[in-house]
Amino acid sequence: MKHQCKITVLERKVFPELQEQYLADPKSGPCPCFKVGDTFVLDRTPEKDDFYHLMNGKFCGEAWDAVSRYVYTALQGGSIMHGWTND
């Protein structure tokens, strides 16, 4: 059985006070990797495995860590919060 998972960037949050306190470049601003509206469709088949290859470098490690368990569940055909999410 083949499943896909679609990820859409809905918003980008910036917390200047935390950037000022913790980042080496406190004026770095929002993440440069994603823009609102960006969409990614992930596959997991014998021919193509986006999950284990972090979309071939399209995701930074921090972003991937935030969503990977949900992506994995979707690609396996499951629901992580049955009744709370649209399957």
PDB file of N, CA and C in Angstrom:
ATOM      1  N   MET A   1       0.838  -1.178   0.000  1.00  0.00           N
ATOM      2  CA  MET A   1       0.000   0.000   0.000  1.00  0.00           C
ATOM      3  C   MET A   1       0.886   1.246   0.000  1.00  0.00           C
ATOM      4  N   LYS A   2       0.542   2.199  -0.836  1.00  0.00           N
ATOM      5  CA  LYS A   2       1.324   3.420  -0.938  1.00  0.00           C
ATOM      6  C   LYS A   2       0.571   4.572  -0.281  1.00  0.00           C
ATOM      7  N   HIS A   3       1.286   5.317   0.520  1.00  0.00           N
ATOM      8  CA  HIS A   3       0.705   6.502   1.153  1.00  0.00           C
ATOM      9  C   HIS A   3       1.604   7.689   0.866  1.00  0.00           C
ATOM     10  N   GLN A   4       1.003   8.853   0.856  1.00  0.00           N
ATOM     11  CA  GLN A   4       1.751  10.090   0.706  1.00  0.00           C
ATOM     12  C   GLN A   4       1.447  10.985   1.897  1.00  0.00           C
ATOM     13  N   CYS A   5       2.317  11.926   2.121  1.00  0.00           N
ATOM     14  CA  CYS A   5       2.108  12.913   3.170  1.00  0.00           C
ATOM     15  C   CYS A   5       2.401  14.285   2.577  1.00  0.00           C
ATOM     16  N   LYS A   6       1.469  15.197   2.740  1.00  0.00           N
ATOM     17  CA  LYS A   6       1.642  16.555   2.234  1.00  0.00           C
ATOM     18  C   LYS A   6       1.904  17.490   3.418  1.00  0.00           C
ATOM     19  N   ILE A   7       2.953  18.278   3.301  1.00  0.00           N
ATOM     20  CA  ILE A   7       3.296  19.266   4.322  1.00  0.00           C
ATOM     21  C   ILE A   7       3.164  20.642   3.685  1.00  0.00           C
ATOM     22  N   THR A   8       2.434  21.540   4.351  1.00  0.00           N
ATOM     23  CA  THR A   8       2.287  22.912   3.884  1.00  0.00           C
ATOM     24  C   THR A   8       2.738  23.858   4.988  1.00  0.00           C
ATOM     25  N   VAL A   9       3.587  24.806   4.649  1.00  0.00           N
ATOM     26  CA  VAL A   9       4.039  25.808   5.615  1.00  0.00           C
ATOM     27  C   VAL A   9       2.923  26.834   5.779  1.00  0.00           C
ATOM     28  N   LEU A  10       2.361  26.904   6.984  1.00  0.00           N
ATOM     29  CA  LEU A  10       1.247  27.808   7.252  1.00  0.00           C
ATOM     30  C   LEU A  10       1.703  29.167   7.767  1.00  0.00           C
ATOM     31  N   GLU A  11       2.751  29.176   8.575  1.00  0.00           N
ATOM     32  CA  GLU A  11       3.277  30.434   9.095  1.00  0.00           C
ATOM     33  C   GLU A  11       4.719  30.242   9.557  1.00  0.00           C
ATOM     34  N   ARG A  12       5.405  31.345   9.705  1.00  0.00           N
ATOM     35  CA  ARG A  12       6.776  31.325  10.228  1.00  0.00           C
ATOM     36  C   ARG A  12       6.808  32.258  11.429  1.00  0.00           C
ATOM     37  N   LYS A  13       7.154  31.720  12.555  1.00  0.00           N
ATOM     38  CA  LYS A  13       7.216  32.507  13.790  1.00  0.00           C
ATOM     39  C   LYS A  13       8.633  33.009  14.012  1.00  0.00           C
ATOM     40  N   VAL A  14       8.741  34.205  14.548  1.00  0.00           N
ATOM     41  CA  VAL A  14      10.028  34.782  14.926  1.00  0.00           C
ATOM     42  C   VAL A  14       9.870  35.358  16.328  1.00  0.00           C
ATOM     43  N   PHE A  15      10.830  35.063  17.173  1.00  0.00           N
ATOM     44  CA  PHE A  15      10.826  35.563  18.541  1.00  0.00           C
ATOM     45  C   PHE A  15      12.120  36.350  18.760  1.00  0.00           C
ATOM     46  N   PRO A  16      12.118  37.647  18.412  1.00  0.00           N
ATOM     47  CA  PRO A  16      13.345  38.451  18.468  1.00  0.00           C
ATOM     48  C   PRO A  16      14.024  38.443  19.835  1.00  0.00           C
ATOM     49  N   GLU A  17      13.237  38.449  20.902  1.00  0.00           N
ATOM     50  CA  GLU A  17      13.839  38.473  22.236  1.00  0.00           C
ATOM     51  C   GLU A  17      14.618  37.188  22.522  1.00  0.00           C
ATOM     52  N   LEU A  18      14.151  36.063  22.007  1.00  0.00           N
ATOM     53  CA  LEU A  18      14.878  34.802  22.183  1.00  0.00           C
ATOM     54  C   LEU A  18      16.084  34.728  21.252  1.00  0.00           C
ATOM     55  N   GLN A  19      15.938  35.250  20.043  1.00  0.00           N
ATOM     56  CA  GLN A  19      17.080  35.296  19.129  1.00  0.00           C
ATOM     57  C   GLN A  19      18.189  36.161  19.722  1.00  0.00           C
ATOM     58  N   GLU A  20      17.807  37.283  20.281  1.00  0.00           N
ATOM     59  CA  GLU A  20      18.781  38.189  20.898  1.00  0.00           C
ATOM     60  C   GLU A  20      19.532  37.500  22.035  1.00  0.00           C
ATOM     61  N   GLN A  21      18.810  36.710  22.781  1.00  0.00           N
ATOM     62  CA  GLN A  21      19.400  36.062  23.955  1.00  0.00           C
ATOM     63  C   GLN A  21      20.252  34.839  23.611  1.00  0.00           C
ATOM     64  N   TYR A  22      19.848  34.053  22.595  1.00  0.00           N
ATOM     65  CA  TYR A  22      20.469  32.748  22.398  1.00  0.00           C
ATOM     66  C   TYR A  22      21.255  32.544  21.105  1.00  0.00           C
ATOM     67  N   LEU A  23      21.017  33.334  20.075  1.00  0.00           N
ATOM     68  CA  LEU A  23      21.664  33.060  18.791  1.00  0.00           C
ATOM     69  C   LEU A  23      22.990  33.791  18.621  1.00  0.00           C
ATOM     70  N   ALA A  24      23.897  33.159  17.904  1.00  0.00           N
ATOM     71  CA  ALA A  24      25.179  33.792  17.588  1.00  0.00           C
ATOM     72  C   ALA A  24      24.958  35.038  16.732  1.00  0.00           C
ATOM     73  N   ASP A  25      23.964  34.985  15.833  1.00  0.00           N
ATOM     74  CA  ASP A  25      23.578  36.147  15.033  1.00  0.00           C
ATOM     75  C   ASP A  25      22.175  36.556  15.473  1.00  0.00           C
ATOM     76  N   PRO A  26      22.070  37.444  16.444  1.00  0.00           N
ATOM     77  CA  PRO A  26      20.766  37.783  17.014  1.00  0.00           C
ATOM     78  C   PRO A  26      19.821  38.491  16.044  1.00  0.00           C
ATOM     79  N   LYS A  27      20.319  38.938  14.918  1.00  0.00           N
ATOM     80  CA  LYS A  27      19.478  39.612  13.917  1.00  0.00           C
ATOM     81  C   LYS A  27      19.183  38.693  12.735  1.00  0.00           C
ATOM     82  N   SER A  28      19.257  37.397  12.937  1.00  0.00           N
ATOM     83  CA  SER A  28      19.108  36.445  11.828  1.00  0.00           C
ATOM     84  C   SER A  28      17.703  36.396  11.241  1.00  0.00           C
ATOM     85  N   GLY A  29      16.693  36.770  12.003  1.00  0.00           N
ATOM     86  CA  GLY A  29      15.334  36.798  11.478  1.00  0.00           C
ATOM     87  C   GLY A  29      14.718  35.415  11.345  1.00  0.00           C
ATOM     88  N   PRO A  30      13.680  35.305  10.513  1.00  0.00           N
ATOM     89  CA  PRO A  30      12.993  34.015  10.367  1.00  0.00           C
ATOM     90  C   PRO A  30      13.835  32.994   9.609  1.00  0.00           C
ATOM     91  N   CYS A  31      13.454  31.750   9.710  1.00  0.00           N
ATOM     92  CA  CYS A  31      14.138  30.659   9.018  1.00  0.00           C
ATOM     93  C   CYS A  31      14.188  30.953   7.514  1.00  0.00           C
ATOM     94  N   PRO A  32      15.373  30.875   6.918  1.00  0.00           N
ATOM     95  CA  PRO A  32      15.485  31.156   5.487  1.00  0.00           C
ATOM     96  C   PRO A  32      15.120  29.965   4.598  1.00  0.00           C
ATOM     97  N   CYS A  33      14.862  28.815   5.204  1.00  0.00           N
ATOM     98  CA  CYS A  33      14.628  27.597   4.418  1.00  0.00           C
ATOM     99  C   CYS A  33      13.217  27.485   3.869  1.00  0.00           C
ATOM    100  N   PHE A  34      12.238  28.085   4.543  1.00  0.00           N
ATOM    101  CA  PHE A  34      10.841  27.899   4.162  1.00  0.00           C
ATOM    102  C   PHE A  34      10.132  29.235   4.035  1.00  0.00           C
ATOM    103  N   LYS A  35       9.145  29.260   3.167  1.00  0.00           N
ATOM    104  CA  LYS A  35       8.276  30.422   2.986  1.00  0.00           C
ATOM    105  C   LYS A  35       6.835  29.969   3.200  1.00  0.00           C
ATOM    106  N   VAL A  36       5.988  30.876   3.684  1.00  0.00           N
ATOM    107  CA  VAL A  36       4.574  30.554   3.858  1.00  0.00           C
ATOM    108  C   VAL A  36       4.002  30.125   2.511  1.00  0.00           C
ATOM    109  N   GLY A  37       3.298  29.013   2.520  1.00  0.00           N
ATOM    110  CA  GLY A  37       2.708  28.471   1.301  1.00  0.00           C
ATOM    111  C   GLY A  37       3.525  27.372   0.648  1.00  0.00           C
ATOM    112  N   ASP A  38       4.792  27.214   1.057  1.00  0.00           N
ATOM    113  CA  ASP A  38       5.595  26.104   0.523  1.00  0.00           C
ATOM    114  C   ASP A  38       4.885  24.787   0.799  1.00  0.00           C
ATOM    115  N   THR A  39       4.878  23.914  -0.185  1.00  0.00           N
ATOM    116  CA  THR A  39       4.222  22.615  -0.053  1.00  0.00           C
ATOM    117  C   THR A  39       5.192  21.521  -0.467  1.00  0.00           C
ATOM    118  N   PHE A  40       5.188  20.441   0.299  1.00  0.00           N
ATOM    119  CA  PHE A  40       6.040  19.289   0.028  1.00  0.00           C
ATOM    120  C   PHE A  40       5.174  18.040   0.067  1.00  0.00           C
ATOM    121  N   VAL A  41       5.314  17.175  -0.919  1.00  0.00           N
ATOM    122  CA  VAL A  41       4.609  15.898  -0.930  1.00  0.00           C
ATOM    123  C   VAL A  41       5.663  14.805  -0.789  1.00  0.00           C
ATOM    124  N   LEU A  42       5.529  14.011   0.255  1.00  0.00           N
ATOM    125  CA  LEU A  42       6.492  12.959   0.547  1.00  0.00           C
ATOM    126  C   LEU A  42       5.931  11.604   0.156  1.00  0.00           C
ATOM    127  N   ASP A  43       6.796  10.771  -0.394  1.00  0.00           N
ATOM    128  CA  ASP A  43       6.450   9.399  -0.758  1.00  0.00           C
ATOM    129  C   ASP A  43       7.328   8.443   0.038  1.00  0.00           C
ATOM    130  N   ARG A  44       6.822   7.249   0.206  1.00  0.00           N
ATOM    131  CA  ARG A  44       7.644   6.185   0.791  1.00  0.00           C
ATOM    132  C   ARG A  44       7.307   4.891   0.071  1.00  0.00           C
ATOM    133  N   THR A  45       8.117   4.584  -0.923  1.00  0.00           N
ATOM    134  CA  THR A  45       7.948   3.378  -1.727  1.00  0.00           C
ATOM    135  C   THR A  45       9.320   2.720  -1.852  1.00  0.00           C
ATOM    136  N   PRO A  46       9.379   1.513  -2.397  1.00  0.00           N
ATOM    137  CA  PRO A  46      10.697   0.892  -2.609  1.00  0.00           C
ATOM    138  C   PRO A  46      11.597   1.726  -3.528  1.00  0.00           C
ATOM    139  N   GLU A  47      10.989   2.495  -4.432  1.00  0.00           N
ATOM    140  CA  GLU A  47      11.763   3.300  -5.372  1.00  0.00           C
ATOM    141  C   GLU A  47      12.162   4.660  -4.804  1.00  0.00           C
ATOM    142  N   LYS A  48      11.359   5.185  -3.909  1.00  0.00           N
ATOM    143  CA  LYS A  48      11.583   6.542  -3.403  1.00  0.00           C
ATOM    144  C   LYS A  48      11.211   6.589  -1.932  1.00  0.00           C
ATOM    145  N   ASP A  49      12.169   6.977  -1.095  1.00  0.00           N
ATOM    146  CA  ASP A  49      11.913   7.038   0.345  1.00  0.00           C
ATOM    147  C   ASP A  49      12.297   8.415   0.867  1.00  0.00           C
ATOM    148  N   ASP A  50      11.342   9.337   0.800  1.00  0.00           N
ATOM    149  CA  ASP A  50      11.597  10.696   1.266  1.00  0.00           C
ATOM    150  C   ASP A  50      11.798  10.765   2.774  1.00  0.00           C
ATOM    151  N   PHE A  51      11.176   9.850   3.506  1.00  0.00           N
ATOM    152  CA  PHE A  51      11.262   9.919   4.967  1.00  0.00           C
ATOM    153  C   PHE A  51      12.690   9.758   5.461  1.00  0.00           C
ATOM    154  N   TYR A  52      13.370   8.716   5.043  1.00  0.00           N
ATOM    155  CA  TYR A  52      14.708   8.460   5.564  1.00  0.00           C
ATOM    156  C   TYR A  52      15.788   9.324   4.929  1.00  0.00           C
ATOM    157  N   HIS A  53      15.443  10.056   3.900  1.00  0.00           N
ATOM    158  CA  HIS A  53      16.428  10.921   3.256  1.00  0.00           C
ATOM    159  C   HIS A  53      16.130  12.394   3.493  1.00  0.00           C
ATOM    160  N   LEU A  54      15.267  12.698   4.467  1.00  0.00           N
ATOM    161  CA  LEU A  54      14.922  14.082   4.813  1.00  0.00           C
ATOM    162  C   LEU A  54      14.637  14.917   3.577  1.00  0.00           C
ATOM    163  N   MET A  55      13.922  14.329   2.636  1.00  0.00           N
ATOM    164  CA  MET A  55      13.551  15.005   1.392  1.00  0.00           C
ATOM    165  C   MET A  55      14.791  15.484   0.638  1.00  0.00           C
ATOM    166  N   ASN A  56      15.848  14.677   0.659  1.00  0.00           N
ATOM    167  CA  ASN A  56      17.094  14.998  -0.059  1.00  0.00           C
ATOM    168  C   ASN A  56      17.639  16.385   0.283  1.00  0.00           C
ATOM    169  N   GLY A  57      17.625  16.695   1.567  1.00  0.00           N
ATOM    170  CA  GLY A  57      18.210  17.950   2.028  1.00  0.00           C
ATOM    171  C   GLY A  57      17.286  19.147   1.990  1.00  0.00           C
ATOM    172  N   LYS A  58      16.015  18.972   1.671  1.00  0.00           N
ATOM    173  CA  LYS A  58      15.085  20.097   1.619  1.00  0.00           C
ATOM    174  C   LYS A  58      14.627  20.533   3.005  1.00  0.00           C
ATOM    175  N   PHE A  59      14.876  19.704   4.003  1.00  0.00           N
ATOM    176  CA  PHE A  59      14.523  20.051   5.377  1.00  0.00           C
ATOM    177  C   PHE A  59      15.791  20.164   6.207  1.00  0.00           C
ATOM    178  N   CYS A  60      15.834  21.176   7.064  1.00  0.00           N
ATOM    179  CA  CYS A  60      16.927  21.233   8.030  1.00  0.00           C
ATOM    180  C   CYS A  60      16.597  20.248   9.156  1.00  0.00           C
ATOM    181  N   GLY A  61      17.588  19.853   9.910  1.00  0.00           N
ATOM    182  CA  GLY A  61      17.405  18.870  10.970  1.00  0.00           C
ATOM    183  C   GLY A  61      16.383  19.290  12.014  1.00  0.00           C
ATOM    184  N   GLU A  62      16.365  20.566  12.380  1.00  0.00           N
ATOM    185  CA  GLU A  62      15.433  21.045  13.408  1.00  0.00           C
ATOM    186  C   GLU A  62      13.983  20.975  12.924  1.00  0.00           C
ATOM    187  N   ALA A  63      13.742  21.397  11.694  1.00  0.00           N
ATOM    188  CA  ALA A  63      12.383  21.335  11.149  1.00  0.00           C
ATOM    189  C   ALA A  63      11.931  19.887  11.013  1.00  0.00           C
ATOM    190  N   TRP A  64      12.825  19.027  10.532  1.00  0.00           N
ATOM    191  CA  TRP A  64      12.486  17.620  10.362  1.00  0.00           C
ATOM    192  C   TRP A  64      12.166  16.973  11.703  1.00  0.00           C
ATOM    193  N   ASP A  65      12.930  17.312  12.729  1.00  0.00           N
ATOM    194  CA  ASP A  65      12.696  16.758  14.058  1.00  0.00           C
ATOM    195  C   ASP A  65      11.313  17.145  14.578  1.00  0.00           C
ATOM    196  N   ALA A  66      10.851  18.334  14.235  1.00  0.00           N
ATOM    197  CA  ALA A  66       9.551  18.811  14.704  1.00  0.00           C
ATOM    198  C   ALA A  66       8.377  18.077  14.060  1.00  0.00           C
ATOM    199  N   VAL A  67       8.532  17.598  12.825  1.00  0.00           N
ATOM    200  CA  VAL A  67       7.393  17.001  12.118  1.00  0.00           C
ATOM    201  C   VAL A  67       7.545  15.524  11.792  1.00  0.00           C
ATOM    202  N   SER A  68       8.727  14.955  11.979  1.00  0.00           N
ATOM    203  CA  SER A  68       9.002  13.612  11.446  1.00  0.00           C
ATOM    204  C   SER A  68       8.091  12.521  11.989  1.00  0.00           C
ATOM    205  N   ARG A  69       7.708  12.564  13.258  1.00  0.00           N
ATOM    206  CA  ARG A  69       6.850  11.483  13.769  1.00  0.00           C
ATOM    207  C   ARG A  69       5.468  11.521  13.129  1.00  0.00           C
ATOM    208  N   TYR A  70       4.986  12.718  12.807  1.00  0.00           N
ATOM    209  CA  TYR A  70       3.692  12.839  12.146  1.00  0.00           C
ATOM    210  C   TYR A  70       3.786  12.376  10.690  1.00  0.00           C
ATOM    211  N   VAL A  71       4.872  12.732  10.047  1.00  0.00           N
ATOM    212  CA  VAL A  71       5.099  12.303   8.663  1.00  0.00           C
ATOM    213  C   VAL A  71       5.204  10.784   8.596  1.00  0.00           C
ATOM    214  N   TYR A  72       5.974  10.200   9.494  1.00  0.00           N
ATOM    215  CA  TYR A  72       6.144   8.745   9.513  1.00  0.00           C
ATOM    216  C   TYR A  72       4.795   8.047   9.681  1.00  0.00           C
ATOM    217  N   THR A  73       3.985   8.533  10.601  1.00  0.00           N
ATOM    218  CA  THR A  73       2.671   7.936  10.831  1.00  0.00           C
ATOM    219  C   THR A  73       1.808   8.028   9.579  1.00  0.00           C
ATOM    220  N   ALA A  74       1.808   9.183   8.932  1.00  0.00           N
ATOM    221  CA  ALA A  74       1.009   9.354   7.713  1.00  0.00           C
ATOM    222  C   ALA A  74       1.484   8.430   6.603  1.00  0.00           C
ATOM    223  N   LEU A  75       2.793   8.300   6.448  1.00  0.00           N
ATOM    224  CA  LEU A  75       3.328   7.444   5.388  1.00  0.00           C
ATOM    225  C   LEU A  75       3.072   5.967   5.645  1.00  0.00           C
ATOM    226  N   GLN A  76       2.803   5.608   6.878  1.00  0.00           N
ATOM    227  CA  GLN A  76       2.458   4.226   7.211  1.00  0.00           C
ATOM    228  C   GLN A  76       0.948   3.987   7.121  1.00  0.00           C
ATOM    229  N   GLY A  77       0.187   5.053   6.829  1.00  0.00           N
ATOM    230  CA  GLY A  77      -1.257   4.911   6.691  1.00  0.00           C
ATOM    231  C   GLY A  77      -2.002   5.027   8.000  1.00  0.00           C
ATOM    232  N   GLY A  78      -1.321   5.481   9.050  1.00  0.00           N
ATOM    233  CA  GLY A  78      -1.933   5.560  10.372  1.00  0.00           C
ATOM    234  C   GLY A  78      -2.406   6.946  10.727  1.00  0.00           C
ATOM    235  N   SER A  79      -2.954   7.045  11.906  1.00  0.00           N
ATOM    236  CA  SER A  79      -3.403   8.317  12.449  1.00  0.00           C
ATOM    237  C   SER A  79      -2.801   8.459  13.836  1.00  0.00           C
ATOM    238  N   ILE A  80      -2.083   9.536  14.066  1.00  0.00           N
ATOM    239  CA  ILE A  80      -1.427   9.712  15.357  1.00  0.00           C
ATOM    240  C   ILE A  80      -2.402  10.222  16.411  1.00  0.00           C
ATOM    241  N   MET A  81      -3.426  10.947  15.979  1.00  0.00           N
ATOM    242  CA  MET A  81      -4.441  11.459  16.896  1.00  0.00           C
ATOM    243  C   MET A  81      -5.812  11.171  16.295  1.00  0.00           C
ATOM    244  N   HIS A  82      -6.212   9.922  16.328  1.00  0.00           N
ATOM    245  CA  HIS A  82      -7.458   9.498  15.690  1.00  0.00           C
ATOM    246  C   HIS A  82      -8.624  10.380  16.141  1.00  0.00           C
ATOM    247  N   GLY A  83      -9.343  10.904  15.170  1.00  0.00           N
ATOM    248  CA  GLY A  83     -10.485  11.752  15.450  1.00  0.00           C
ATOM    249  C   GLY A  83     -10.141  13.235  15.590  1.00  0.00           C
ATOM    250  N   TRP A  84      -8.858  13.560  15.691  1.00  0.00           N
ATOM    251  CA  TRP A  84      -8.436  14.952  15.846  1.00  0.00           C
ATOM    252  C   TRP A  84      -7.911  15.537  14.545  1.00  0.00           C
ATOM    253  N   THR A  85      -7.475  14.682  13.629  1.00  0.00           N
ATOM    254  CA  THR A  85      -6.891  15.161  12.382  1.00  0.00           C
ATOM    255  C   THR A  85      -7.668  14.614  11.195  1.00  0.00           C
ATOM    256  N   ASN A  86      -7.577  15.318  10.086  1.00  0.00           N
ATOM    257  CA  ASN A  86      -8.193  14.827   8.855  1.00  0.00           C
ATOM    258  C   ASN A  86      -7.276  13.787   8.241  1.00  0.00           C
ATOM    259  N   ASP A  87      -7.777  12.598   8.063  1.00  0.00           N
ATOM    260  CA  ASP A  87      -6.970  11.525   7.483  1.00  0.00           C
ATOM    261  C   ASP A  87      -7.152  11.480   5.975  1.00  0.00           C
TER     262      ASP A  87
END
